N, C-alpha and C. Protein backbone atom coordinates (compact mmCIF):
# COMPACT_ATOMS: atom_id res chain seq x y z
N UNK A 1 24.99 118.07 55.66
CA UNK A 1 25.65 116.85 56.13
C UNK A 1 26.97 117.20 56.82
N UNK A 2 27.35 116.43 57.79
CA UNK A 2 28.61 116.73 58.48
C UNK A 2 29.80 116.50 57.57
N UNK A 3 30.83 117.26 57.78
CA UNK A 3 32.04 117.15 56.97
C UNK A 3 32.98 116.17 57.65
N UNK A 4 33.17 115.02 56.96
CA UNK A 4 34.03 113.99 57.52
C UNK A 4 35.44 114.04 56.97
N UNK A 5 35.72 115.03 56.09
CA UNK A 5 37.07 115.12 55.52
C UNK A 5 38.05 115.62 56.58
N UNK A 6 39.17 114.96 56.70
CA UNK A 6 40.15 115.41 57.71
C UNK A 6 40.68 116.79 57.38
N UNK A 7 40.86 117.59 58.38
CA UNK A 7 41.39 118.93 58.20
C UNK A 7 42.88 118.94 58.51
N UNK A 8 43.58 119.75 57.74
CA UNK A 8 45.01 119.88 57.98
C UNK A 8 45.24 120.77 59.19
N UNK A 9 46.12 120.34 60.04
CA UNK A 9 46.44 121.13 61.21
C UNK A 9 47.95 121.41 61.22
N UNK A 10 48.28 122.64 61.44
CA UNK A 10 49.67 123.04 61.44
C UNK A 10 50.03 123.53 62.83
N UNK A 11 51.05 122.95 63.39
CA UNK A 11 51.49 123.33 64.72
C UNK A 11 52.70 124.26 64.61
N UNK A 12 52.61 125.39 65.25
CA UNK A 12 53.73 126.31 65.27
C UNK A 12 54.86 125.73 66.11
N UNK A 13 56.11 125.92 65.70
CA UNK A 13 57.22 125.42 66.52
C UNK A 13 57.28 126.15 67.85
N UNK A 14 57.67 125.43 68.86
CA UNK A 14 57.80 126.04 70.18
C UNK A 14 59.03 126.95 70.21
N UNK A 15 59.02 127.92 71.12
CA UNK A 15 60.15 128.83 71.24
C UNK A 15 61.43 128.08 71.60
N UNK A 16 61.27 127.04 72.41
CA UNK A 16 62.45 126.27 72.80
C UNK A 16 63.08 125.52 71.66
N UNK A 17 62.29 125.17 70.65
CA UNK A 17 62.82 124.40 69.52
C UNK A 17 63.53 125.28 68.50
N UNK A 18 63.25 126.58 68.51
CA UNK A 18 63.93 127.46 67.55
C UNK A 18 64.99 128.34 68.23
N UNK A 19 64.74 128.72 69.47
CA UNK A 19 65.75 129.49 70.19
C UNK A 19 66.65 128.53 70.96
N UNK A 20 67.39 127.72 70.20
CA UNK A 20 68.32 126.77 70.79
C UNK A 20 69.54 127.52 71.32
N UNK A 21 70.36 126.89 72.16
CA UNK A 21 71.51 127.61 72.74
C UNK A 21 72.43 128.24 71.71
N UNK A 22 72.79 127.47 70.67
CA UNK A 22 73.69 128.00 69.65
C UNK A 22 73.06 129.14 68.87
N UNK A 23 71.81 128.97 68.48
CA UNK A 23 71.09 130.01 67.75
C UNK A 23 70.95 131.27 68.60
N UNK A 24 70.60 131.10 69.85
CA UNK A 24 70.45 132.24 70.75
C UNK A 24 71.75 133.02 70.89
N UNK A 25 72.87 132.29 71.00
CA UNK A 25 74.17 132.94 71.11
C UNK A 25 74.50 133.73 69.84
N UNK A 26 74.28 133.12 68.68
CA UNK A 26 74.58 133.79 67.41
C UNK A 26 73.71 135.03 67.23
N UNK A 27 72.43 134.92 67.54
CA UNK A 27 71.54 136.07 67.42
C UNK A 27 71.95 137.19 68.36
N UNK A 28 72.34 136.83 69.57
CA UNK A 28 72.77 137.83 70.54
C UNK A 28 74.00 138.58 70.04
N UNK A 29 74.96 137.85 69.49
CA UNK A 29 76.17 138.48 68.96
C UNK A 29 75.86 139.34 67.74
N UNK A 30 74.92 138.91 66.91
CA UNK A 30 74.53 139.71 65.75
C UNK A 30 73.86 141.01 66.18
N UNK A 31 73.01 140.95 67.18
CA UNK A 31 72.35 142.16 67.70
C UNK A 31 73.38 143.09 68.33
N UNK A 32 74.34 142.51 69.06
CA UNK A 32 75.41 143.31 69.65
C UNK A 32 76.25 143.98 68.57
N UNK A 33 76.57 143.23 67.51
CA UNK A 33 77.34 143.79 66.41
C UNK A 33 76.61 144.91 65.71
N UNK A 34 75.31 144.74 65.52
CA UNK A 34 74.50 145.79 64.90
C UNK A 34 74.47 147.04 65.78
N UNK A 35 74.34 146.86 67.07
CA UNK A 35 74.30 147.99 68.00
C UNK A 35 75.63 148.75 67.98
N UNK A 36 76.75 148.02 67.97
CA UNK A 36 78.05 148.67 67.91
C UNK A 36 78.23 149.42 66.60
N UNK A 37 77.73 148.83 65.50
CA UNK A 37 77.85 149.50 64.20
C UNK A 37 77.07 150.80 64.17
N UNK A 38 75.98 150.87 64.90
CA UNK A 38 75.16 152.07 64.93
C UNK A 38 75.73 153.13 65.88
N UNK A 39 76.13 152.70 67.07
CA UNK A 39 76.53 153.66 68.10
C UNK A 39 78.04 153.87 68.18
N UNK A 40 78.83 152.91 67.70
CA UNK A 40 80.28 153.05 67.69
C UNK A 40 80.83 152.68 66.31
N UNK A 41 80.44 153.43 65.28
CA UNK A 41 80.82 153.05 63.90
C UNK A 41 82.33 153.04 63.66
N UNK A 42 83.06 154.01 64.20
CA UNK A 42 84.49 154.06 63.96
C UNK A 42 85.21 152.90 64.65
N UNK A 43 84.82 152.61 65.88
CA UNK A 43 85.39 151.47 66.60
C UNK A 43 85.11 150.17 65.84
N UNK A 44 83.89 150.04 65.34
CA UNK A 44 83.50 148.84 64.61
C UNK A 44 84.34 148.67 63.35
N UNK A 45 84.53 149.77 62.62
CA UNK A 45 85.30 149.71 61.38
C UNK A 45 86.77 149.40 61.65
N UNK A 46 87.32 150.00 62.70
CA UNK A 46 88.75 149.85 62.98
C UNK A 46 89.11 148.50 63.59
N UNK A 47 88.20 147.93 64.38
CA UNK A 47 88.58 146.76 65.16
C UNK A 47 87.78 145.48 64.85
N UNK A 48 86.56 145.61 64.37
CA UNK A 48 85.70 144.44 64.21
C UNK A 48 85.44 144.04 62.76
N UNK A 49 85.37 145.01 61.86
CA UNK A 49 85.16 144.69 60.45
C UNK A 49 86.43 144.11 59.84
N UNK A 50 86.28 143.48 58.69
CA UNK A 50 87.41 142.81 58.03
C UNK A 50 88.16 143.82 57.17
N UNK A 51 89.30 144.28 57.69
CA UNK A 51 90.10 145.30 57.02
C UNK A 51 91.32 144.65 56.37
N UNK A 52 91.39 144.58 55.05
CA UNK A 52 92.52 143.92 54.38
C UNK A 52 93.87 144.54 54.73
N UNK A 53 93.86 145.77 55.15
CA UNK A 53 95.12 146.46 55.45
C UNK A 53 95.67 146.12 56.83
N UNK A 54 94.79 145.80 57.79
CA UNK A 54 95.25 145.60 59.16
C UNK A 54 94.91 144.24 59.75
N UNK A 55 94.12 143.44 59.05
CA UNK A 55 93.67 142.17 59.63
C UNK A 55 94.85 141.25 59.93
N UNK A 56 95.65 140.98 58.93
CA UNK A 56 96.81 140.10 59.10
C UNK A 56 98.09 140.91 58.97
N UNK A 57 98.97 140.76 59.97
CA UNK A 57 98.87 139.89 61.15
C UNK A 57 98.40 140.62 62.41
N UNK A 58 98.04 141.90 62.32
CA UNK A 58 97.82 142.70 63.51
C UNK A 58 96.49 142.42 64.21
N UNK A 59 95.42 142.19 63.44
CA UNK A 59 94.09 142.02 64.03
C UNK A 59 93.40 140.78 63.45
N UNK A 60 93.94 139.58 63.71
CA UNK A 60 93.38 138.36 63.10
C UNK A 60 91.97 138.04 63.55
N UNK A 61 91.54 138.57 64.72
CA UNK A 61 90.19 138.29 65.20
C UNK A 61 89.12 138.83 64.26
N UNK A 62 89.52 139.76 63.38
CA UNK A 62 88.56 140.30 62.43
C UNK A 62 88.01 139.24 61.49
N UNK A 63 88.75 138.14 61.30
CA UNK A 63 88.28 137.05 60.45
C UNK A 63 87.03 136.39 61.01
N UNK A 64 86.73 136.63 62.28
CA UNK A 64 85.53 136.09 62.91
C UNK A 64 84.53 137.20 63.23
N UNK A 65 85.02 138.30 63.79
CA UNK A 65 84.11 139.35 64.28
C UNK A 65 83.32 140.02 63.16
N UNK A 66 83.89 140.07 61.94
CA UNK A 66 83.16 140.73 60.85
C UNK A 66 81.81 140.08 60.58
N UNK A 67 81.72 138.78 60.87
CA UNK A 67 80.49 138.03 60.55
C UNK A 67 79.32 138.39 61.45
N UNK A 68 79.57 139.16 62.50
CA UNK A 68 78.48 139.57 63.39
C UNK A 68 78.09 141.04 63.20
N UNK A 69 78.74 141.71 62.24
CA UNK A 69 78.48 143.13 62.02
C UNK A 69 77.50 143.31 60.87
N UNK A 70 76.30 143.78 61.19
CA UNK A 70 75.30 144.13 60.18
C UNK A 70 74.94 145.61 60.38
N UNK A 71 75.21 146.42 59.38
CA UNK A 71 74.96 147.85 59.52
C UNK A 71 73.57 148.26 59.05
N UNK A 72 72.87 147.34 58.44
CA UNK A 72 71.51 147.61 57.95
C UNK A 72 70.54 146.71 58.72
N UNK A 73 69.45 147.30 59.21
CA UNK A 73 68.49 146.51 59.98
C UNK A 73 67.86 145.42 59.13
N UNK A 74 67.62 145.69 57.84
CA UNK A 74 67.03 144.68 56.96
C UNK A 74 67.95 143.48 56.83
N UNK A 75 69.26 143.73 56.72
CA UNK A 75 70.22 142.62 56.66
C UNK A 75 70.22 141.83 57.95
N UNK A 76 70.19 142.54 59.07
CA UNK A 76 70.13 141.86 60.36
C UNK A 76 68.87 141.00 60.46
N UNK A 77 67.75 141.53 60.02
CA UNK A 77 66.48 140.81 60.11
C UNK A 77 66.49 139.56 59.22
N UNK A 78 66.89 139.71 57.96
CA UNK A 78 66.88 138.59 57.03
C UNK A 78 67.88 137.51 57.44
N UNK A 79 69.10 137.94 57.80
CA UNK A 79 70.10 136.97 58.24
C UNK A 79 69.67 136.30 59.54
N UNK A 80 69.02 137.07 60.41
CA UNK A 80 68.53 136.51 61.66
C UNK A 80 67.49 135.43 61.44
N UNK A 81 66.63 135.61 60.43
CA UNK A 81 65.63 134.59 60.13
C UNK A 81 66.29 133.28 59.68
N UNK A 82 67.34 133.40 58.87
CA UNK A 82 68.06 132.20 58.42
C UNK A 82 68.64 131.47 59.62
N UNK A 83 69.29 132.22 60.51
CA UNK A 83 69.89 131.62 61.70
C UNK A 83 68.81 130.99 62.57
N UNK A 84 67.70 131.70 62.72
CA UNK A 84 66.65 131.25 63.64
C UNK A 84 66.01 129.95 63.18
N UNK A 85 65.62 129.87 61.92
CA UNK A 85 64.87 128.71 61.47
C UNK A 85 65.77 127.59 60.94
N UNK A 86 66.72 127.91 60.06
CA UNK A 86 67.59 126.87 59.54
C UNK A 86 68.65 126.47 60.56
N UNK A 87 69.18 127.47 61.27
CA UNK A 87 70.19 127.17 62.28
C UNK A 87 69.64 126.30 63.39
N UNK A 88 68.41 126.58 63.83
CA UNK A 88 67.81 125.77 64.89
C UNK A 88 67.52 124.36 64.42
N UNK A 89 67.14 124.20 63.14
CA UNK A 89 66.92 122.85 62.60
C UNK A 89 68.21 122.06 62.57
N UNK A 90 69.30 122.73 62.18
CA UNK A 90 70.61 122.05 62.16
C UNK A 90 71.05 121.69 63.57
N UNK A 91 70.93 122.63 64.49
CA UNK A 91 71.36 122.35 65.87
C UNK A 91 70.48 121.28 66.51
N UNK A 92 69.22 121.21 66.08
CA UNK A 92 68.34 120.18 66.62
C UNK A 92 68.80 118.78 66.27
N UNK A 93 69.49 118.64 65.12
CA UNK A 93 69.99 117.34 64.70
C UNK A 93 71.43 117.12 65.14
N UNK A 94 72.18 118.19 65.26
CA UNK A 94 73.57 118.09 65.69
C UNK A 94 73.68 118.53 67.14
N UNK A 95 74.75 119.28 67.42
CA UNK A 95 74.98 119.77 68.76
C UNK A 95 75.32 121.26 68.71
N UNK A 96 75.32 121.86 69.88
CA UNK A 96 75.67 123.28 70.01
C UNK A 96 77.04 123.55 69.39
N UNK A 97 78.02 122.73 69.74
CA UNK A 97 79.39 122.95 69.27
C UNK A 97 79.47 122.84 67.75
N UNK A 98 78.71 121.92 67.17
CA UNK A 98 78.78 121.71 65.72
C UNK A 98 78.25 122.90 64.95
N UNK A 99 77.17 123.52 65.42
CA UNK A 99 76.63 124.70 64.75
C UNK A 99 77.61 125.86 64.85
N UNK A 100 78.18 126.08 66.03
CA UNK A 100 79.15 127.16 66.21
C UNK A 100 80.39 126.91 65.36
N UNK A 101 80.84 125.65 65.30
CA UNK A 101 81.99 125.31 64.46
C UNK A 101 81.71 125.60 63.00
N UNK A 102 80.51 125.27 62.53
CA UNK A 102 80.12 125.56 61.16
C UNK A 102 80.24 127.05 60.88
N UNK A 103 79.72 127.86 61.79
CA UNK A 103 79.77 129.32 61.63
C UNK A 103 81.22 129.81 61.56
N UNK A 104 82.06 129.31 62.46
CA UNK A 104 83.45 129.76 62.53
C UNK A 104 84.23 129.37 61.28
N UNK A 105 84.01 128.14 60.80
CA UNK A 105 84.73 127.68 59.61
C UNK A 105 84.36 128.51 58.39
N UNK A 106 83.06 128.73 58.20
CA UNK A 106 82.62 129.53 57.04
C UNK A 106 83.14 130.96 57.16
N UNK A 107 83.07 131.53 58.35
CA UNK A 107 83.55 132.89 58.56
C UNK A 107 85.04 132.99 58.24
N UNK A 108 85.82 132.03 58.70
CA UNK A 108 87.25 132.04 58.49
C UNK A 108 87.61 131.86 57.01
N UNK A 109 87.02 130.88 56.36
CA UNK A 109 87.34 130.60 54.95
C UNK A 109 86.93 131.77 54.05
N UNK A 110 85.72 132.27 54.23
CA UNK A 110 85.25 133.39 53.41
C UNK A 110 86.04 134.66 53.72
N UNK A 111 86.43 134.83 54.98
CA UNK A 111 87.25 135.98 55.34
C UNK A 111 88.60 135.94 54.66
N UNK A 112 89.22 134.77 54.62
CA UNK A 112 90.51 134.63 53.94
C UNK A 112 90.36 134.85 52.44
N UNK A 113 89.27 134.36 51.86
CA UNK A 113 89.01 134.61 50.44
C UNK A 113 88.87 136.10 50.16
N UNK A 114 88.19 136.81 51.09
CA UNK A 114 88.02 138.26 50.95
C UNK A 114 89.37 138.97 50.93
N UNK A 115 90.26 138.58 51.86
CA UNK A 115 91.59 139.18 51.91
C UNK A 115 92.39 138.85 50.66
N UNK A 116 92.27 137.61 50.17
CA UNK A 116 93.01 137.19 48.99
C UNK A 116 92.58 137.97 47.75
N UNK A 117 91.27 138.09 47.55
CA UNK A 117 90.76 138.81 46.38
C UNK A 117 91.15 140.28 46.43
N UNK A 118 91.06 140.88 47.62
CA UNK A 118 91.47 142.27 47.76
C UNK A 118 92.95 142.45 47.47
N UNK A 119 93.77 141.49 47.89
CA UNK A 119 95.21 141.57 47.64
C UNK A 119 95.51 141.44 46.16
N UNK A 120 94.86 140.49 45.49
CA UNK A 120 95.08 140.28 44.06
C UNK A 120 94.66 141.51 43.26
N UNK A 121 93.54 142.12 43.63
CA UNK A 121 93.02 143.27 42.90
C UNK A 121 93.62 144.59 43.38
N UNK A 122 94.44 144.54 44.42
CA UNK A 122 95.03 145.76 44.94
C UNK A 122 94.02 146.70 45.56
N UNK A 123 93.01 146.14 46.22
CA UNK A 123 91.95 146.94 46.83
C UNK A 123 92.01 146.84 48.35
N UNK A 124 91.31 147.75 49.01
CA UNK A 124 91.22 147.75 50.47
C UNK A 124 89.76 147.90 50.88
N UNK A 125 88.91 147.00 50.41
CA UNK A 125 87.48 147.06 50.69
C UNK A 125 87.20 146.43 52.05
N UNK A 126 86.53 147.16 52.92
CA UNK A 126 86.18 146.66 54.25
C UNK A 126 85.05 145.65 54.13
N UNK A 127 85.23 144.49 54.76
CA UNK A 127 84.21 143.45 54.71
C UNK A 127 83.46 143.31 56.03
N UNK A 128 82.17 143.10 55.95
CA UNK A 128 81.37 142.89 57.15
C UNK A 128 80.04 142.27 56.74
N UNK A 129 79.33 141.72 57.72
CA UNK A 129 78.02 141.14 57.46
C UNK A 129 77.96 139.65 57.77
N UNK A 130 76.76 139.19 58.09
CA UNK A 130 76.53 137.78 58.42
C UNK A 130 76.16 136.94 57.21
N UNK A 131 76.18 137.55 56.02
CA UNK A 131 75.71 136.85 54.82
C UNK A 131 76.50 135.59 54.54
N UNK A 132 77.84 135.64 54.69
CA UNK A 132 78.66 134.46 54.38
C UNK A 132 78.27 133.28 55.25
N UNK A 133 78.17 133.51 56.56
CA UNK A 133 77.85 132.41 57.48
C UNK A 133 76.41 131.94 57.31
N UNK A 134 75.50 132.86 56.97
CA UNK A 134 74.12 132.45 56.73
C UNK A 134 74.02 131.61 55.46
N UNK A 135 74.80 131.98 54.44
CA UNK A 135 74.85 131.14 53.24
C UNK A 135 75.45 129.78 53.58
N UNK A 136 76.42 129.76 54.50
CA UNK A 136 76.98 128.48 54.94
C UNK A 136 75.94 127.62 55.62
N UNK A 137 75.09 128.24 56.44
CA UNK A 137 74.00 127.52 57.08
C UNK A 137 73.02 126.99 56.03
N UNK A 138 72.74 127.80 55.02
CA UNK A 138 71.84 127.38 53.95
C UNK A 138 72.41 126.17 53.22
N UNK A 139 73.71 126.23 52.89
CA UNK A 139 74.34 125.10 52.20
C UNK A 139 74.33 123.84 53.03
N UNK A 140 74.62 123.98 54.33
CA UNK A 140 74.60 122.82 55.22
C UNK A 140 73.18 122.27 55.35
N UNK A 141 72.20 123.15 55.47
CA UNK A 141 70.80 122.74 55.58
C UNK A 141 70.38 121.95 54.35
N UNK A 142 70.79 122.42 53.17
CA UNK A 142 70.42 121.73 51.93
C UNK A 142 70.96 120.33 51.85
N UNK A 143 72.13 120.09 52.44
CA UNK A 143 72.70 118.74 52.42
C UNK A 143 72.07 117.86 53.49
N UNK A 144 71.96 118.36 54.69
CA UNK A 144 71.44 117.55 55.80
C UNK A 144 69.98 117.17 55.60
N UNK A 145 69.17 118.12 55.12
CA UNK A 145 67.74 117.90 54.95
C UNK A 145 67.36 117.74 53.47
N UNK A 146 68.27 117.18 52.68
CA UNK A 146 68.11 117.14 51.23
C UNK A 146 66.86 116.39 50.77
N UNK A 147 66.39 115.45 51.55
CA UNK A 147 65.21 114.67 51.14
C UNK A 147 63.95 115.08 51.89
N UNK A 148 64.03 116.17 52.61
CA UNK A 148 62.88 116.60 53.41
C UNK A 148 62.03 117.63 52.68
N UNK A 149 60.76 117.65 53.04
CA UNK A 149 59.86 118.72 52.59
C UNK A 149 59.68 119.69 53.74
N UNK A 150 59.74 120.97 53.43
CA UNK A 150 59.67 122.02 54.45
C UNK A 150 58.41 122.84 54.24
N UNK A 151 57.71 123.12 55.33
CA UNK A 151 56.50 123.93 55.26
C UNK A 151 56.88 125.40 55.02
N UNK A 152 56.26 125.99 54.01
CA UNK A 152 56.51 127.38 53.66
C UNK A 152 55.27 128.21 53.98
N UNK A 153 55.42 129.19 54.86
CA UNK A 153 54.32 130.07 55.24
C UNK A 153 53.13 129.28 55.80
N UNK A 154 53.42 128.06 56.30
CA UNK A 154 52.41 127.21 56.95
C UNK A 154 51.24 126.85 56.02
N UNK A 155 51.46 126.97 54.70
CA UNK A 155 50.38 126.67 53.76
C UNK A 155 50.77 125.64 52.71
N UNK A 156 52.02 125.55 52.35
CA UNK A 156 52.45 124.63 51.30
C UNK A 156 53.82 124.07 51.63
N UNK A 157 54.15 122.98 50.96
CA UNK A 157 55.42 122.33 51.20
C UNK A 157 56.32 122.47 49.98
N UNK A 158 57.61 122.60 50.26
CA UNK A 158 58.62 122.65 49.22
C UNK A 158 59.78 121.76 49.62
N UNK A 159 60.43 121.20 48.60
CA UNK A 159 61.62 120.41 48.86
C UNK A 159 62.72 121.30 49.41
N UNK A 160 63.48 120.78 50.37
CA UNK A 160 64.53 121.59 51.00
C UNK A 160 65.53 122.11 49.99
N UNK A 161 65.85 121.31 48.99
CA UNK A 161 66.81 121.75 47.97
C UNK A 161 66.28 122.94 47.18
N UNK A 162 64.98 122.94 46.90
CA UNK A 162 64.40 124.06 46.18
C UNK A 162 64.50 125.35 46.99
N UNK A 163 64.22 125.25 48.27
CA UNK A 163 64.31 126.42 49.14
C UNK A 163 65.75 126.93 49.19
N UNK A 164 66.69 126.02 49.27
CA UNK A 164 68.10 126.40 49.32
C UNK A 164 68.51 127.13 48.04
N UNK A 165 68.13 126.60 46.89
CA UNK A 165 68.47 127.24 45.62
C UNK A 165 67.85 128.64 45.51
N UNK A 166 66.62 128.77 45.97
CA UNK A 166 65.96 130.08 45.92
C UNK A 166 66.69 131.08 46.80
N UNK A 167 67.05 130.67 48.01
CA UNK A 167 67.72 131.58 48.93
C UNK A 167 69.11 131.96 48.42
N UNK A 168 69.83 131.01 47.85
CA UNK A 168 71.15 131.32 47.30
C UNK A 168 71.02 132.31 46.15
N UNK A 169 70.00 132.13 45.32
CA UNK A 169 69.76 133.07 44.21
C UNK A 169 69.45 134.47 44.74
N UNK A 170 68.69 134.53 45.83
CA UNK A 170 68.37 135.83 46.43
C UNK A 170 69.64 136.53 46.90
N UNK A 171 70.51 135.80 47.59
CA UNK A 171 71.77 136.39 48.06
C UNK A 171 72.64 136.80 46.87
N UNK A 172 72.64 135.99 45.80
CA UNK A 172 73.44 136.32 44.62
C UNK A 172 72.93 137.58 43.94
N UNK A 173 71.61 137.72 43.85
CA UNK A 173 71.03 138.93 43.24
C UNK A 173 71.39 140.15 44.08
N UNK A 174 71.37 140.01 45.38
CA UNK A 174 71.71 141.13 46.27
C UNK A 174 73.16 141.55 46.12
N UNK A 175 74.00 140.64 45.59
CA UNK A 175 75.43 140.94 45.43
C UNK A 175 75.76 141.52 44.05
N UNK A 176 74.77 141.69 43.19
CA UNK A 176 75.02 142.16 41.83
C UNK A 176 75.70 143.52 41.82
N UNK A 177 75.28 144.41 42.71
CA UNK A 177 75.82 145.77 42.71
C UNK A 177 77.31 145.80 43.06
N UNK A 178 77.80 144.79 43.76
CA UNK A 178 79.21 144.71 44.12
C UNK A 178 79.67 143.26 44.02
N UNK A 179 80.25 142.87 42.88
CA UNK A 179 80.59 141.46 42.64
C UNK A 179 81.43 140.80 43.72
N UNK A 180 82.23 141.59 44.45
CA UNK A 180 83.07 140.98 45.48
C UNK A 180 82.22 140.35 46.59
N UNK A 181 80.97 140.80 46.70
CA UNK A 181 80.07 140.23 47.70
C UNK A 181 79.69 138.79 47.38
N UNK A 182 79.98 138.34 46.16
CA UNK A 182 79.74 136.94 45.81
C UNK A 182 80.60 136.01 46.65
N UNK A 183 81.65 136.54 47.27
CA UNK A 183 82.45 135.73 48.19
C UNK A 183 81.58 135.26 49.34
N UNK A 184 80.67 136.12 49.80
CA UNK A 184 79.76 135.72 50.88
C UNK A 184 78.84 134.60 50.40
N UNK A 185 78.37 134.70 49.15
CA UNK A 185 77.49 133.66 48.59
C UNK A 185 78.24 132.33 48.51
N UNK A 186 79.55 132.40 48.28
CA UNK A 186 80.36 131.19 48.23
C UNK A 186 80.37 130.46 49.57
N UNK A 187 79.92 131.15 50.62
CA UNK A 187 79.81 130.49 51.92
C UNK A 187 78.90 129.28 51.89
N UNK A 188 77.93 129.29 50.97
CA UNK A 188 77.03 128.12 50.84
C UNK A 188 77.83 126.88 50.45
N UNK A 189 78.78 127.06 49.53
CA UNK A 189 79.63 125.94 49.13
C UNK A 189 80.55 125.50 50.25
N UNK A 190 81.04 126.46 51.03
CA UNK A 190 81.92 126.13 52.16
C UNK A 190 81.15 125.33 53.20
N UNK A 191 79.92 125.78 53.51
CA UNK A 191 79.10 125.05 54.47
C UNK A 191 78.77 123.65 53.99
N UNK A 192 78.46 123.52 52.70
CA UNK A 192 78.14 122.21 52.12
C UNK A 192 79.34 121.27 52.23
N UNK A 193 80.52 121.77 51.83
CA UNK A 193 81.72 120.94 51.87
C UNK A 193 82.11 120.59 53.30
N UNK A 194 81.90 121.52 54.21
CA UNK A 194 82.22 121.28 55.61
C UNK A 194 81.42 120.08 56.14
N UNK A 195 80.14 120.07 55.85
CA UNK A 195 79.29 118.95 56.30
C UNK A 195 79.66 117.68 55.55
N UNK A 196 79.90 117.80 54.25
CA UNK A 196 80.24 116.64 53.43
C UNK A 196 81.50 115.94 53.94
N UNK A 197 82.50 116.72 54.28
CA UNK A 197 83.75 116.16 54.78
C UNK A 197 83.53 115.44 56.11
N UNK A 198 82.75 116.05 57.00
CA UNK A 198 82.51 115.42 58.30
C UNK A 198 81.69 114.14 58.16
N UNK A 199 80.73 114.12 57.25
CA UNK A 199 79.96 112.90 57.03
C UNK A 199 80.84 111.80 56.45
N UNK A 200 81.74 112.20 55.56
CA UNK A 200 82.66 111.22 54.95
C UNK A 200 83.59 110.63 56.01
N UNK A 201 84.13 111.50 56.86
CA UNK A 201 85.03 111.04 57.92
C UNK A 201 84.29 110.16 58.92
N UNK A 202 83.03 110.51 59.21
CA UNK A 202 82.24 109.70 60.12
C UNK A 202 81.99 108.31 59.54
N UNK A 203 81.71 108.27 58.21
CA UNK A 203 81.49 106.98 57.55
C UNK A 203 82.77 106.15 57.54
N UNK A 204 83.91 106.80 57.31
CA UNK A 204 85.18 106.09 57.31
C UNK A 204 85.51 105.56 58.69
N UNK A 205 85.04 106.26 59.71
CA UNK A 205 85.32 105.82 61.08
C UNK A 205 84.47 104.62 61.47
N UNK A 206 83.50 104.25 60.62
CA UNK A 206 82.71 103.06 60.89
C UNK A 206 81.42 103.31 61.60
N UNK A 207 80.85 104.52 61.46
CA UNK A 207 79.56 104.79 62.09
C UNK A 207 78.52 103.88 61.47
N UNK A 208 77.72 103.22 62.31
CA UNK A 208 76.73 102.27 61.81
C UNK A 208 75.51 102.97 61.27
N UNK A 209 74.95 103.93 62.02
CA UNK A 209 73.79 104.69 61.56
C UNK A 209 73.60 105.85 62.51
N UNK A 210 72.92 106.92 62.08
CA UNK A 210 72.68 108.05 62.98
C UNK A 210 71.94 107.66 64.24
N UNK A 211 71.07 106.65 64.14
CA UNK A 211 70.29 106.26 65.31
C UNK A 211 71.14 105.49 66.32
N UNK A 212 72.23 104.86 65.82
CA UNK A 212 73.03 104.01 66.69
C UNK A 212 74.29 104.70 67.18
N UNK A 213 74.88 105.51 66.30
CA UNK A 213 76.17 106.09 66.63
C UNK A 213 76.19 107.56 66.26
N UNK A 214 76.60 108.40 67.15
CA UNK A 214 76.79 109.82 66.86
C UNK A 214 78.28 110.12 66.93
N UNK A 215 78.88 110.61 65.84
CA UNK A 215 80.30 110.95 65.89
C UNK A 215 80.58 111.93 67.02
N UNK A 216 81.81 111.90 67.50
CA UNK A 216 82.18 112.73 68.64
C UNK A 216 81.99 114.22 68.36
N UNK A 217 82.09 114.66 67.09
CA UNK A 217 81.95 116.07 66.79
C UNK A 217 80.49 116.47 66.58
N UNK A 218 79.59 115.50 66.56
CA UNK A 218 78.18 115.82 66.50
C UNK A 218 77.60 115.85 65.09
N UNK A 219 78.42 115.69 64.05
CA UNK A 219 77.88 115.77 62.70
C UNK A 219 77.31 114.42 62.29
N UNK A 220 76.03 114.41 61.94
CA UNK A 220 75.38 113.17 61.53
C UNK A 220 74.53 113.42 60.30
N UNK A 221 74.35 112.37 59.51
CA UNK A 221 73.49 112.44 58.34
C UNK A 221 72.14 111.86 58.75
N UNK A 222 71.09 112.68 58.73
CA UNK A 222 69.80 112.26 59.27
C UNK A 222 68.94 111.56 58.23
N UNK A 223 69.36 111.54 56.97
CA UNK A 223 68.51 110.93 55.94
C UNK A 223 68.84 109.46 55.75
């Protein structure tokens, strides 16, 4: 007998929907940072990584540039996936500027925390990696898509909050060998609060609904 049961069909996202302008820019800078770390390691350490001894006040740009330096290909790959899929989802609901601003805020706040902890402990540990900003993207994603179900491996669905908690736990486990790396994990909280504050300010400004009004900075609550 013919099978009349409906079949599930899964459509792969188009390249244009995931390689958004903001995501493409961030990935390009991450690849550039990885290349410099491989071929110009001393230059990268002296000028681009977060050096507690020279960052403030001599090289303040390190508070941003460190977030694009990945010295391990696995880190580049995993962080790139977060940017590609979660970052593109966020930019799809917001704007190019809002995604870049999220990255910069998390990078700056976590960078300052890194310098503060090193100062308190009397250490000079060099900081680098995209983990802080990727955790910020994860935290923002968990708030914006908090009521959504996300397809996992194109076979099953999970609540966005569950995925966020799992990913944060993964980053936390990876930081066990060096507890100071938990500062990068704290980026999830920074990203969450960053979005929360903008949504609160948008509501105070009298936004009627996401469908009717988009705040000038592009941050909207889609739920």
